[in-house]
């Protein structure tokens, strides 16, 4: 999962581990009874909802928390969860009414304050939350999270508690899509224990979702148990989930085939030729709101000098997307022709072909543009990626081979592996990239805004390369303020054209979600975010 904020937090807090209190199943082998085992990776940060902006931590938050909205597991549509209603007359002033009867797993009632306190905490500069910028539209954000200096207020002036089940939100500008963002984990409610004994809560997070965390051993596994007192309709249909840490998806696949794992939600590229034979109907391959791109370090002046847009466009045209998606990914990826995802649909903002010739393989044009732009900085580029996912090395090598062939230089591009995803993310946060780097994006919510603003808006934390363009920023602000959905989408697409004309990032391919599961499981599906819908899985 990914958020966007002004500040990156890279401290020892990322190493906090949950207290080990015993496990519901062994560290190896399938789980017992109604428990299932699933492949996983250690989250980058502690599991605070406003501080988790990557996929592995997001999987856990999706099981442990429920917010005002929840995205339909099949369609992605934002539907009311804890919200009874979210009303506005002007797309700036919102009144939120909560359903009654909701509690946290420790028995505490979920109230309006559970939300406003959580949002104030997430927005506060002193708390250094990665998802702080999600609260940037709420009035008073400039006081609790100023761009320069220390904060001037502890709470957002745009949040007001009316009663236990009602609060109001005043935005600092019109944002017609605001209600649909509220299913994202950063907006989850928090119990009082989070604030009164924060250190203890971090060791054993307490939420209000269908599962409760029982134990976590970093580098090994996390055990989550079904919460029998969960008041929602989407109760867990199994007894719990054991998330087993794998640093190599090939190992996870081997364990799945050996009966030592129930669910692997990242089939490695090397196994795609065998997976249908190996698993038959127990193999899932469905469209997902994911796009893979190459980002650039604009904080390095070598990549930000005049003419570099030609170099970046030339590199894009040097990549044979069709061949790579066919031979390596066996059509579980589709060559990208814009910067969003087909799951949005044309009404939602997907526009096939928006990238134009810049995303079409053309070695001659690629070589010419790179030369016209002044050549690759340093004469060779290192394409950085995390090596703990089995498929990345193969496609990175293929991209580099394609670039080298197009430019007629065997040393034009080389892969630069980083051991783990956490280390990879930390290097990005510390602005240590010297060349292009892998920048896969999994949508937080199904809006075109989510594919553009978090990645390319000035100051957004998922804008890891620090690209900045005032025309793009202005168009995004206009699109957010537009109350007519069709006009809003059209304006966002104008902003996307600015991304294209500058080749702010190179779009590679749209990604399907894929997974394989054991004969013990039924009801397995991936949601439009490519995450297993754990609560609907049954264990025989």
Protein backbone atom coordinates (compact mmCIF):
# COMPACT_ATOMS: atom_id res chain seq x y z
CA UNK A 1 0.00 0.00 0.00
CA UNK A 2 1.23 3.56 -0.58
CA UNK A 3 0.36 6.97 0.90
CA UNK A 4 1.67 10.46 0.28
CA UNK A 5 3.04 12.98 2.72
CA UNK A 6 5.60 15.74 3.00
CA UNK A 7 8.02 13.89 5.27
CA UNK A 8 9.82 10.57 5.25
CA UNK A 9 10.43 8.87 8.57
CA UNK A 10 13.47 6.63 8.77
CA UNK A 11 14.29 5.86 12.37
CA UNK A 12 14.77 2.88 14.58
CA UNK A 13 11.01 2.67 15.12
CA UNK A 14 10.77 0.66 11.93
CA UNK A 15 12.44 -2.20 13.75
CA UNK A 16 9.79 -2.48 16.47
CA UNK A 17 8.49 -6.04 16.71
CA UNK A 18 5.24 -7.25 18.13
CA UNK A 19 5.48 -9.34 21.28
CA UNK A 20 5.54 -13.05 20.59
CA UNK A 21 2.66 -14.57 22.52
CA UNK A 22 2.48 -17.96 20.90
CA UNK A 23 1.41 -19.12 17.47
CA UNK A 24 -1.67 -20.84 16.18
CA UNK A 25 0.35 -23.03 13.84
CA UNK A 26 3.91 -24.17 13.30
CA UNK A 27 6.55 -22.07 11.63
CA UNK A 28 6.52 -24.55 8.78
CA UNK A 29 3.81 -26.67 7.24
CA UNK A 30 0.18 -25.83 6.75
CA UNK A 31 -1.92 -24.47 9.58
CA UNK A 32 -4.07 -26.63 11.80
CA UNK A 33 -7.86 -26.74 11.81
CA UNK A 34 -9.51 -23.67 10.36
CA UNK A 35 -6.30 -21.64 10.12
CA UNK A 36 -4.65 -20.99 6.75
CA UNK A 37 -1.09 -20.04 5.86
CA UNK A 38 -0.28 -17.36 3.30
CA UNK A 39 2.92 -15.91 1.85
CA UNK A 40 3.93 -12.46 3.10
CA UNK A 41 6.80 -10.03 3.57
CA UNK A 42 7.78 -8.02 6.63
CA UNK A 43 6.18 -4.56 6.61
CA UNK A 44 8.52 -1.59 6.31
CA UNK A 45 7.08 0.34 9.27
CA UNK A 46 5.14 -0.22 12.49
CA UNK A 47 1.50 -0.99 11.71
CA UNK A 48 0.06 2.45 12.44
CA UNK A 49 -2.64 3.08 9.81
CA UNK A 50 -1.27 6.50 8.92
CA UNK A 51 2.29 5.21 8.69
CA UNK A 52 1.83 2.21 6.40
CA UNK A 53 2.14 2.89 2.69
CA UNK A 54 3.30 -0.42 1.24
CA UNK A 55 1.56 -3.63 0.27
CA UNK A 56 2.66 -6.07 2.98
CA UNK A 57 1.68 -3.85 5.87
CA UNK A 58 -1.49 -2.94 4.01
CA UNK A 59 -2.56 -6.59 3.91
CA UNK A 60 -2.54 -6.70 7.70
CA UNK A 61 -4.35 -3.39 8.13
CA UNK A 62 -7.07 -4.63 5.76
CA UNK A 63 -7.70 -7.54 8.12
CA UNK A 64 -7.40 -5.66 11.41
CA UNK A 65 -9.25 -2.42 10.64
CA UNK A 66 -12.51 -1.22 9.12
CA UNK A 67 -13.09 2.43 8.23
CA UNK A 68 -15.91 4.69 7.11
CA UNK A 69 -15.87 3.09 3.67
CA UNK A 70 -14.78 -0.29 2.33
CA UNK A 71 -13.93 -1.08 -1.27
CA UNK A 72 -16.06 -3.85 -2.71
CA UNK A 73 -13.87 -6.99 -3.04
CA UNK A 74 -15.18 -7.61 -6.55
CA UNK A 75 -15.81 -4.19 -8.10
CA UNK A 76 -13.66 -1.84 -6.04
CA UNK A 77 -16.67 0.44 -5.47
CA UNK A 78 -16.43 2.52 -2.28
CA UNK A 79 -19.33 1.50 -0.04
CA UNK A 80 -20.29 2.68 3.44
CA UNK A 81 -18.85 0.53 6.22
CA UNK A 82 -18.88 2.32 9.57
CA UNK A 83 -20.39 5.38 7.91
CA UNK A 84 -24.17 5.57 8.00
CA UNK A 85 -23.93 8.60 5.73
CA UNK A 86 -21.41 11.14 4.40
CA UNK A 87 -23.23 14.23 3.14
CA UNK A 88 -22.22 17.53 1.58
CA UNK A 89 -23.85 20.37 -0.30
CA UNK A 90 -20.73 22.00 -1.69
CA UNK A 91 -17.95 19.32 -1.87
CA UNK A 92 -16.13 21.18 0.91
CA UNK A 93 -18.21 20.79 4.07
CA UNK A 94 -19.03 17.17 4.98
CA UNK A 95 -21.13 15.68 7.77
CA UNK A 96 -20.25 12.10 8.74
CA UNK A 97 -22.71 9.97 10.69
CA UNK A 98 -21.58 6.63 12.13
CA UNK A 99 -23.41 3.37 12.52
CA UNK A 100 -23.93 2.28 16.12
CA UNK A 101 -22.78 -1.00 17.66
CA UNK A 102 -19.16 -0.97 16.47
CA UNK A 103 -16.34 -1.68 18.91
CA UNK A 104 -12.63 -2.38 18.85
CA UNK A 105 -11.47 -5.90 19.67
CA UNK A 106 -10.63 -4.73 23.23
CA UNK A 107 -14.29 -3.86 23.79
CA UNK A 108 -13.98 -0.08 23.46
CA UNK A 109 -16.74 1.60 21.45
CA UNK A 110 -15.89 3.18 18.09
CA UNK A 111 -17.02 6.79 18.24
CA UNK A 112 -16.59 9.96 16.25
CA UNK A 113 -13.59 10.77 18.42
CA UNK A 114 -11.97 7.46 17.38
CA UNK A 115 -11.77 8.93 13.89
CA UNK A 116 -10.94 12.56 14.64
CA UNK A 117 -8.18 11.64 17.13
CA UNK A 118 -6.69 9.20 14.61
CA UNK A 119 -6.76 11.75 11.81
CA UNK A 120 -5.24 14.46 13.99
CA UNK A 121 -2.46 12.07 14.96
CA UNK A 122 -1.82 11.11 11.35
CA UNK A 123 -1.68 14.71 10.17
CA UNK A 124 0.64 15.97 12.92
CA UNK A 125 4.14 16.86 11.80
CA UNK A 126 5.66 15.73 15.09
CA UNK A 127 4.34 12.19 14.57
CA UNK A 128 6.18 11.88 11.22
CA UNK A 129 3.56 9.67 9.57
CA UNK A 130 4.18 8.64 5.97
CA UNK A 131 0.52 9.05 5.06
CA UNK A 132 0.13 12.51 6.60
CA UNK A 133 -0.58 14.14 3.25
CA UNK A 134 -3.83 12.18 2.96
CA UNK A 135 -5.16 14.70 5.49
CA UNK A 136 -3.80 17.63 3.49
CA UNK A 137 -7.25 18.63 2.20
CA UNK A 138 -8.64 19.12 5.70
CA UNK A 139 -8.71 22.71 6.91
CA UNK A 140 -5.89 23.48 9.32
CA UNK A 141 -3.42 21.03 7.82
CA UNK A 142 -1.00 23.89 7.14
CA UNK A 143 -0.95 24.56 10.90
CA UNK A 144 -0.42 20.98 12.10
CA UNK A 145 1.91 20.02 9.25
CA UNK A 146 3.61 23.15 7.83
CA UNK A 147 6.07 22.73 5.00
CA UNK A 148 8.66 24.73 6.92
CA UNK A 149 9.33 25.04 10.64
CA UNK A 150 7.47 23.56 13.57
CA UNK A 151 3.73 22.97 13.79
CA UNK A 152 1.47 25.70 15.17
CA UNK A 153 -1.51 23.56 16.23
CA UNK A 154 -2.06 20.02 17.50
CA UNK A 155 -5.43 19.41 15.86
CA UNK A 156 -7.02 20.03 12.48
CA UNK A 157 -9.41 22.97 12.67
CA UNK A 158 -11.54 21.29 10.00
CA UNK A 159 -12.51 18.38 12.28
CA UNK A 160 -15.35 18.86 14.76
CA UNK A 161 -17.04 16.23 16.92
CA UNK A 162 -20.79 16.82 17.13
CA UNK A 163 -21.71 13.79 19.23
CA UNK A 164 -20.57 10.21 19.73
CA UNK A 165 -21.76 9.22 16.26
CA UNK A 166 -21.39 12.44 14.26
CA UNK A 167 -18.48 14.60 13.18
CA UNK A 168 -17.94 17.23 10.52
CA UNK A 169 -15.08 17.70 8.09
CA UNK A 170 -14.28 21.05 6.48
CA UNK A 171 -11.82 20.92 3.59
CA UNK A 172 -9.52 23.76 2.57
CA UNK A 173 -10.71 23.41 -1.04
CA UNK A 174 -13.41 21.54 -2.88
CA UNK A 175 -12.69 17.84 -3.35
CA UNK A 176 -15.65 15.98 -4.80
CA UNK A 177 -13.88 12.61 -4.57
CA UNK A 178 -13.12 12.95 -0.85
CA UNK A 179 -15.73 10.43 0.40
CA UNK A 180 -14.35 7.71 -1.90
CA UNK A 181 -10.88 8.08 -0.38
CA UNK A 182 -12.13 7.19 3.10
CA UNK A 183 -11.81 3.44 2.65
CA UNK A 184 -8.03 3.81 2.65
CA UNK A 185 -6.31 2.54 5.81
CA UNK A 186 -4.87 5.93 6.77
CA UNK A 187 -8.42 7.03 7.68
CA UNK A 188 -9.05 4.08 10.04
CA UNK A 189 -10.26 4.77 13.61
CA UNK A 190 -7.98 4.18 16.60
CA UNK A 191 -8.77 3.18 20.20
CA UNK A 192 -7.73 5.24 23.22
CA UNK A 193 -4.99 2.69 24.02
CA UNK A 194 -3.14 3.87 20.92
CA UNK A 195 -2.68 7.27 22.55
CA UNK A 196 -2.47 6.40 26.25
CA UNK A 197 0.13 3.62 25.87
CA UNK A 198 1.49 3.95 22.37
CA UNK A 199 4.51 1.69 22.89
CA UNK A 200 2.32 -1.16 24.14
CA UNK A 201 -0.12 -0.68 21.26
CA UNK A 202 2.71 -0.94 18.73
CA UNK A 203 3.71 -4.28 20.24
CA UNK A 204 0.15 -5.62 19.96
CA UNK A 205 -1.98 -3.43 17.64
CA UNK A 206 -5.71 -3.36 18.44
CA UNK A 207 -8.19 -2.65 15.66
CA UNK A 208 -11.85 -3.09 14.80
CA UNK A 209 -11.66 -5.51 11.86
CA UNK A 210 -12.58 -9.21 11.55
CA UNK A 211 -9.12 -10.34 12.75
CA UNK A 212 -6.95 -9.57 15.77
CA UNK A 213 -3.16 -9.89 15.79
CA UNK A 214 -1.96 -12.62 18.12
CA UNK A 215 1.82 -12.60 17.53
CA UNK A 216 4.58 -11.47 15.20
CA UNK A 217 8.18 -12.56 14.84
CA UNK A 218 9.99 -10.37 12.36
CA UNK A 219 11.50 -12.37 9.52
CA UNK A 220 9.34 -15.39 10.35
CA UNK A 221 5.56 -14.96 10.60
CA UNK A 222 2.56 -13.12 11.94
CA UNK A 223 -0.47 -14.91 13.37
CA UNK A 224 -3.93 -13.34 13.18
CA UNK A 225 -6.98 -14.91 14.82
CA UNK A 226 -10.61 -14.48 13.89
CA UNK A 227 -12.27 -12.00 16.23
CA UNK A 228 -15.50 -13.68 17.27
CA UNK A 229 -16.99 -10.42 18.56
CA UNK A 230 -16.60 -8.60 15.25
CA UNK A 231 -19.88 -6.71 14.59
CA UNK A 232 -19.58 -6.34 10.80
CA UNK A 233 -21.32 -8.39 8.16
CA UNK A 234 -18.03 -9.42 6.54
CA UNK A 235 -17.06 -11.81 9.33
CA UNK A 236 -14.10 -14.16 8.83
CA UNK A 237 -15.14 -17.55 7.44
CA UNK A 238 -11.94 -19.15 8.76
CA UNK A 239 -10.33 -19.32 12.20
CA UNK A 240 -7.36 -17.18 11.30
CA UNK A 241 -4.40 -16.52 9.03
CA UNK A 242 -0.71 -17.22 9.52
CA UNK A 243 1.31 -14.87 7.33
CA UNK A 244 4.66 -16.52 6.61
CA UNK A 245 7.59 -14.33 5.60
CA UNK A 246 9.30 -15.19 2.32
CA UNK A 247 12.14 -13.25 0.72
CA UNK A 248 11.84 -15.26 -2.50
CA UNK A 249 8.52 -15.97 -4.23
CA UNK A 250 10.04 -19.09 -5.81
CA UNK A 251 10.47 -20.57 -2.33
CA UNK A 252 6.85 -19.75 -1.51
CA UNK A 253 5.71 -21.49 -4.69
CA UNK A 254 7.80 -24.56 -3.84
CA UNK A 255 6.22 -24.68 -0.39
CA UNK A 256 2.76 -24.36 -1.93
CA UNK A 257 3.40 -27.31 -4.21
CA UNK A 258 4.87 -29.33 -1.32
CA UNK A 259 1.82 -28.76 0.86
CA UNK A 260 3.66 -26.49 3.30
CA UNK A 261 1.73 -23.35 2.33
CA UNK A 262 -1.94 -22.76 1.59
CA UNK A 263 -1.83 -19.52 -0.38
CA UNK A 264 0.86 -17.80 -2.46
CA UNK A 265 -0.25 -14.43 -3.83
CA UNK A 266 2.76 -13.70 -6.03
CA UNK A 267 3.44 -16.41 -8.59
CA UNK A 268 7.08 -16.00 -9.73
CA UNK A 269 7.70 -15.42 -13.42
CA UNK A 270 9.77 -18.59 -13.66
CA UNK A 271 6.72 -20.69 -12.68
CA UNK A 272 4.14 -19.09 -14.97
CA UNK A 273 4.80 -21.67 -17.68
CA UNK A 274 3.90 -24.46 -15.22
CA UNK A 275 1.29 -22.92 -12.97
CA UNK A 276 -1.84 -23.91 -14.91
CA UNK A 277 -0.65 -27.50 -15.09
CA UNK A 278 0.42 -27.49 -11.45
CA UNK A 279 -2.70 -25.91 -9.97
CA UNK A 280 -5.48 -26.01 -12.56
CA UNK A 281 -8.50 -24.09 -11.24
CA UNK A 282 -6.57 -23.24 -8.09
CA UNK A 283 -4.61 -20.64 -10.06
CA UNK A 284 -6.03 -17.09 -10.13
CA UNK A 285 -5.11 -14.49 -12.74
CA UNK A 286 -7.29 -11.38 -12.61
CA UNK A 287 -6.89 -7.68 -13.57
CA UNK A 288 -5.74 -5.42 -10.75
CA UNK A 289 -5.18 -1.71 -10.17
CA UNK A 290 -1.41 -2.01 -10.48
CA UNK A 291 1.05 -0.38 -12.85
CA UNK A 292 4.81 -0.88 -13.02
CA UNK A 293 6.93 2.14 -13.89
CA UNK A 294 10.51 3.33 -13.83
CA UNK A 295 11.01 6.47 -11.74
CA UNK A 296 13.96 8.85 -11.84
CA UNK A 297 15.93 10.70 -9.13
CA UNK A 298 15.14 14.32 -9.95
CA UNK A 299 17.06 15.35 -6.83
CA UNK A 300 20.15 14.36 -8.86
CA UNK A 301 20.78 17.33 -11.17
CA UNK A 302 22.13 15.00 -13.85
CA UNK A 303 18.60 13.68 -14.38
CA UNK A 304 16.98 17.09 -14.08
CA UNK A 305 18.98 19.14 -16.56
CA UNK A 306 17.43 20.62 -19.75
CA UNK A 307 16.91 18.05 -22.49
CA UNK A 308 16.65 15.06 -20.16
CA UNK A 309 12.98 14.58 -21.09
CA UNK A 310 14.31 13.45 -24.49
CA UNK A 311 16.63 10.94 -22.82
CA UNK A 312 13.81 9.57 -20.67
CA UNK A 313 11.48 9.34 -23.67
CA UNK A 314 14.23 7.62 -25.66
CA UNK A 315 14.71 5.08 -22.89
CA UNK A 316 10.96 4.45 -22.91
CA UNK A 317 11.03 3.78 -26.65
CA UNK A 318 13.99 1.43 -26.17
CA UNK A 319 11.90 -0.99 -24.05
CA UNK A 320 10.16 -3.80 -25.91
CA UNK A 321 7.15 -4.12 -23.62
CA UNK A 322 5.30 -6.51 -25.90
CA UNK A 323 8.12 -9.03 -25.95
CA UNK A 324 8.82 -8.82 -22.22
CA UNK A 325 5.18 -9.25 -21.15
CA UNK A 326 4.81 -12.17 -23.54
CA UNK A 327 8.00 -14.11 -22.86
CA UNK A 328 8.66 -13.40 -19.17
CA UNK A 329 5.21 -12.71 -17.76
CA UNK A 330 3.21 -14.92 -20.13
CA UNK A 331 0.46 -12.32 -20.50
CA UNK A 332 -0.04 -11.75 -16.80
CA UNK A 333 1.07 -8.21 -17.64
CA UNK A 334 -0.15 -5.91 -20.42
CA UNK A 335 2.05 -3.25 -22.05
CA UNK A 336 1.14 0.12 -20.53
CA UNK A 337 -0.04 2.92 -22.80
CA UNK A 338 -0.91 5.42 -20.05
CA UNK A 339 -0.08 6.03 -16.36
CA UNK A 340 -3.27 4.63 -14.76
CA UNK A 341 -4.92 1.19 -14.99
CA UNK A 342 -7.61 -0.44 -17.14
CA UNK A 343 -9.53 -1.38 -13.97
CA UNK A 344 -10.66 2.26 -13.76
CA UNK A 345 -12.53 1.92 -17.05
CA UNK A 346 -12.81 4.75 -19.56
CA UNK A 347 -15.39 6.59 -17.42
CA UNK A 348 -13.01 6.44 -14.47
CA UNK A 349 -10.02 7.88 -16.30
CA UNK A 350 -8.20 5.07 -18.09
CA UNK A 351 -7.22 6.26 -21.56
CA UNK A 352 -5.55 3.65 -23.74
CA UNK A 353 -2.90 5.11 -26.00
CA UNK A 354 -2.43 8.38 -24.11
CA UNK A 355 1.33 7.72 -24.02
CA UNK A 356 1.42 7.56 -27.84
CA UNK A 357 4.68 6.80 -29.65
CA UNK A 358 6.67 7.34 -26.47
CA UNK A 359 5.53 3.90 -25.25
CA UNK A 360 6.06 2.17 -28.59
CA UNK A 361 9.25 0.17 -29.17
CA UNK A 362 11.33 2.07 -31.74
CA UNK A 363 15.10 1.43 -31.42
CA UNK A 364 16.10 3.99 -34.05
CA UNK A 365 14.03 6.78 -32.52
CA UNK A 366 15.20 5.76 -29.04
CA UNK A 367 18.86 6.05 -29.99
CA UNK A 368 18.28 9.40 -31.69
CA UNK A 369 16.39 10.92 -28.73
CA UNK A 370 18.95 9.77 -26.16
CA UNK A 371 21.70 11.35 -28.26
CA UNK A 372 19.72 14.59 -28.74
CA UNK A 373 19.12 14.85 -25.01
CA UNK A 374 22.82 14.70 -24.22
CA UNK A 375 23.14 10.98 -23.53
CA UNK A 376 22.75 8.86 -20.40
CA UNK A 377 24.30 10.56 -17.35
CA UNK A 378 27.68 8.99 -16.70
CA UNK A 379 27.36 6.92 -19.88
CA UNK A 380 25.56 4.04 -18.15
CA UNK A 381 22.46 3.74 -15.98
CA UNK A 382 21.88 1.46 -13.02
CA UNK A 383 18.30 0.22 -12.77
CA UNK A 384 17.70 -0.37 -9.06
CA UNK A 385 15.18 -2.91 -7.73
CA UNK A 386 14.54 -5.05 -4.66
CA UNK A 387 15.86 -8.57 -5.11
CA UNK A 388 13.60 -10.30 -2.58
CA UNK A 389 10.80 -10.74 -5.14
CA UNK A 390 11.63 -13.52 -7.57
CA UNK A 391 10.32 -11.86 -10.73
CA UNK A 392 12.06 -8.50 -10.55
CA UNK A 393 15.52 -9.65 -11.58
CA UNK A 394 14.21 -11.31 -14.72
CA UNK A 395 12.25 -8.35 -16.02
CA UNK A 396 14.92 -5.82 -15.01
CA UNK A 397 17.52 -7.81 -16.92
CA UNK A 398 15.14 -7.99 -19.89
CA UNK A 399 14.54 -4.22 -19.79
CA UNK A 400 18.27 -3.55 -19.67
CA UNK A 401 18.92 -5.98 -22.51
CA UNK A 402 16.25 -4.23 -24.57
CA UNK A 403 17.75 -0.81 -23.87
CA UNK A 404 21.27 -2.03 -24.62
CA UNK A 405 20.16 -3.56 -27.91
CA UNK A 406 18.27 -0.44 -28.99
CA UNK A 407 21.15 1.90 -28.13
CA UNK A 408 23.82 -0.41 -29.51
CA UNK A 409 25.74 -0.41 -26.23
CA UNK A 410 26.02 -3.52 -24.04
CA UNK A 411 26.86 -1.35 -21.03
CA UNK A 412 24.14 1.26 -21.38
CA UNK A 413 21.98 -0.37 -18.68
CA UNK A 414 22.68 -2.79 -15.84
CA UNK A 415 20.48 -4.09 -13.03
CA UNK A 416 21.29 -2.93 -9.52
CA UNK A 417 19.70 -5.28 -6.94
CA UNK A 418 19.01 -4.28 -3.34
CA UNK A 419 18.56 -7.17 -0.92
CA UNK A 420 15.16 -6.48 0.64
CA UNK A 421 12.11 -4.37 -0.07
CA UNK A 422 12.56 -2.53 3.22
CA UNK A 423 16.15 -1.60 2.34
CA UNK A 424 15.03 -0.60 -1.14
CA UNK A 425 12.34 1.69 0.27
CA UNK A 426 14.76 3.17 2.77
CA UNK A 427 17.26 4.01 0.04
CA UNK A 428 14.50 5.76 -1.88
CA UNK A 429 13.46 7.67 1.22
CA UNK A 430 17.04 8.76 1.80
CA UNK A 431 17.34 9.89 -1.84
CA UNK A 432 20.26 7.61 -2.61
CA UNK A 433 19.18 6.56 -6.12
CA UNK A 434 21.63 7.51 -8.87
CA UNK A 435 19.52 6.32 -11.78
CA UNK A 436 16.09 4.89 -12.64
CA UNK A 437 14.43 2.60 -10.12
CA UNK A 438 11.44 0.27 -9.92
CA UNK A 439 8.28 2.11 -8.91
CA UNK A 440 5.33 -0.25 -8.93
CA UNK A 441 2.05 1.34 -7.85
CA UNK A 442 -0.93 -0.44 -6.38
CA UNK A 443 -3.95 1.84 -6.11
CA UNK A 444 -5.18 2.89 -2.69
CA UNK A 445 -8.66 3.62 -4.01
CA UNK A 446 -10.16 3.39 -7.51
CA UNK A 447 -9.83 7.01 -8.65
CA UNK A 448 -7.63 8.42 -11.43
CA UNK A 449 -6.50 10.97 -8.82
CA UNK A 450 -4.79 8.15 -6.91
CA UNK A 451 -2.64 7.17 -9.90
CA UNK A 452 -1.43 10.73 -10.45
CA UNK A 453 -1.38 12.95 -7.38
CA UNK A 454 0.47 10.65 -4.92
CA UNK A 455 3.19 9.94 -7.48
CA UNK A 456 3.75 13.22 -9.31
CA UNK A 457 2.36 16.10 -7.25
CA UNK A 458 5.04 18.34 -5.75
CA UNK A 459 5.91 17.18 -2.23
CA UNK A 460 3.92 13.93 -2.29
CA UNK A 461 5.88 11.24 -0.46
CA UNK A 462 5.22 8.55 -3.03
CA UNK A 463 6.78 10.99 -5.47
CA UNK A 464 10.04 9.25 -4.56
CA UNK A 465 12.03 10.90 -7.33
CA UNK A 466 10.84 14.40 -6.30
CA UNK A 467 9.53 15.38 -9.72
CA UNK A 468 7.87 18.80 -9.68
CA UNK A 469 5.83 20.62 -12.29
CA UNK A 470 3.61 23.64 -11.54
CA UNK A 471 1.33 23.05 -14.54
CA UNK A 472 0.65 19.50 -13.38
CA UNK A 473 -0.03 20.66 -9.81
CA UNK A 474 -2.47 23.33 -10.99
CA UNK A 475 -4.41 20.87 -13.16
CA UNK A 476 -4.67 18.37 -10.29
CA UNK A 477 -6.07 21.06 -7.98
CA UNK A 478 -8.61 22.04 -10.64
CA UNK A 479 -9.62 18.42 -11.20
CA UNK A 480 -10.15 17.82 -7.48
CA UNK A 481 -12.37 20.89 -7.18
CA UNK A 482 -14.56 19.89 -10.14
CA UNK A 483 -17.97 18.60 -8.98
CA UNK A 484 -18.88 17.08 -12.36
CA UNK A 485 -17.19 13.62 -12.38
CA UNK A 486 -16.72 13.62 -16.17
CA UNK A 487 -15.09 17.06 -16.15
CA UNK A 488 -12.91 16.07 -13.22
CA UNK A 489 -11.64 13.00 -15.08
CA UNK A 490 -10.98 15.05 -18.22
CA UNK A 491 -8.92 17.55 -16.24
CA UNK A 492 -6.94 14.77 -14.59
CA UNK A 493 -6.18 13.42 -18.06
CA UNK A 494 -4.82 16.84 -19.03
CA UNK A 495 -2.51 16.59 -16.03
CA UNK A 496 -1.50 13.11 -17.19
CA UNK A 497 -0.52 14.59 -20.55
CA UNK A 498 1.95 16.83 -18.69
CA UNK A 499 3.45 13.69 -17.17
CA UNK A 500 3.69 12.22 -20.66
CA UNK A 501 5.26 15.27 -22.29
CA UNK A 502 7.97 15.33 -19.62
CA UNK A 503 8.20 11.53 -19.31
CA UNK A 504 8.18 12.05 -15.54
CA UNK A 505 8.23 8.25 -15.18
CA UNK A 506 8.34 5.48 -17.77
CA UNK A 507 5.18 3.32 -17.76
CA UNK A 508 6.02 -0.34 -18.33
CA UNK A 509 2.97 -2.58 -17.93
CA UNK A 510 -0.33 -3.09 -16.16
CA UNK A 511 -0.20 -5.99 -13.76
CA UNK A 512 -2.72 -8.69 -13.05
CA UNK A 513 -3.09 -10.08 -9.59
CA UNK A 514 -2.19 -13.75 -9.50
CA UNK A 515 -2.19 -16.39 -6.82
CA UNK A 516 -2.27 -20.11 -6.23
CA UNK A 517 -3.80 -22.01 -3.36
CA UNK A 518 -3.98 -25.48 -1.83
CA UNK A 519 -6.81 -27.99 -1.93
CA UNK A 520 -7.63 -27.11 1.68
CA UNK A 521 -9.07 -23.76 0.62
CA UNK A 522 -12.25 -22.64 -1.11
CA UNK A 523 -13.66 -19.19 -1.82
CA UNK A 524 -10.25 -17.71 -2.66
CA UNK A 525 -10.33 -14.46 -4.61
CA UNK A 526 -8.20 -11.39 -5.12
CA UNK A 527 -9.74 -7.94 -4.82
CA UNK A 528 -9.08 -5.19 -7.42
CA UNK A 529 -5.99 -4.26 -5.39
CA UNK A 530 -4.60 -7.81 -5.96
CA UNK A 531 -4.86 -8.62 -2.23
CA UNK A 532 -6.48 -11.87 -1.09
CA UNK A 533 -9.89 -11.40 0.49
CA UNK A 534 -8.83 -13.37 3.53
CA UNK A 535 -12.10 -13.13 5.45
CA UNK A 536 -14.02 -14.95 2.69
CA UNK A 537 -11.67 -17.95 2.48
CA UNK A 538 -12.93 -21.22 3.90
CA UNK A 539 -10.62 -23.97 5.18
CA UNK A 540 -11.59 -27.62 4.88
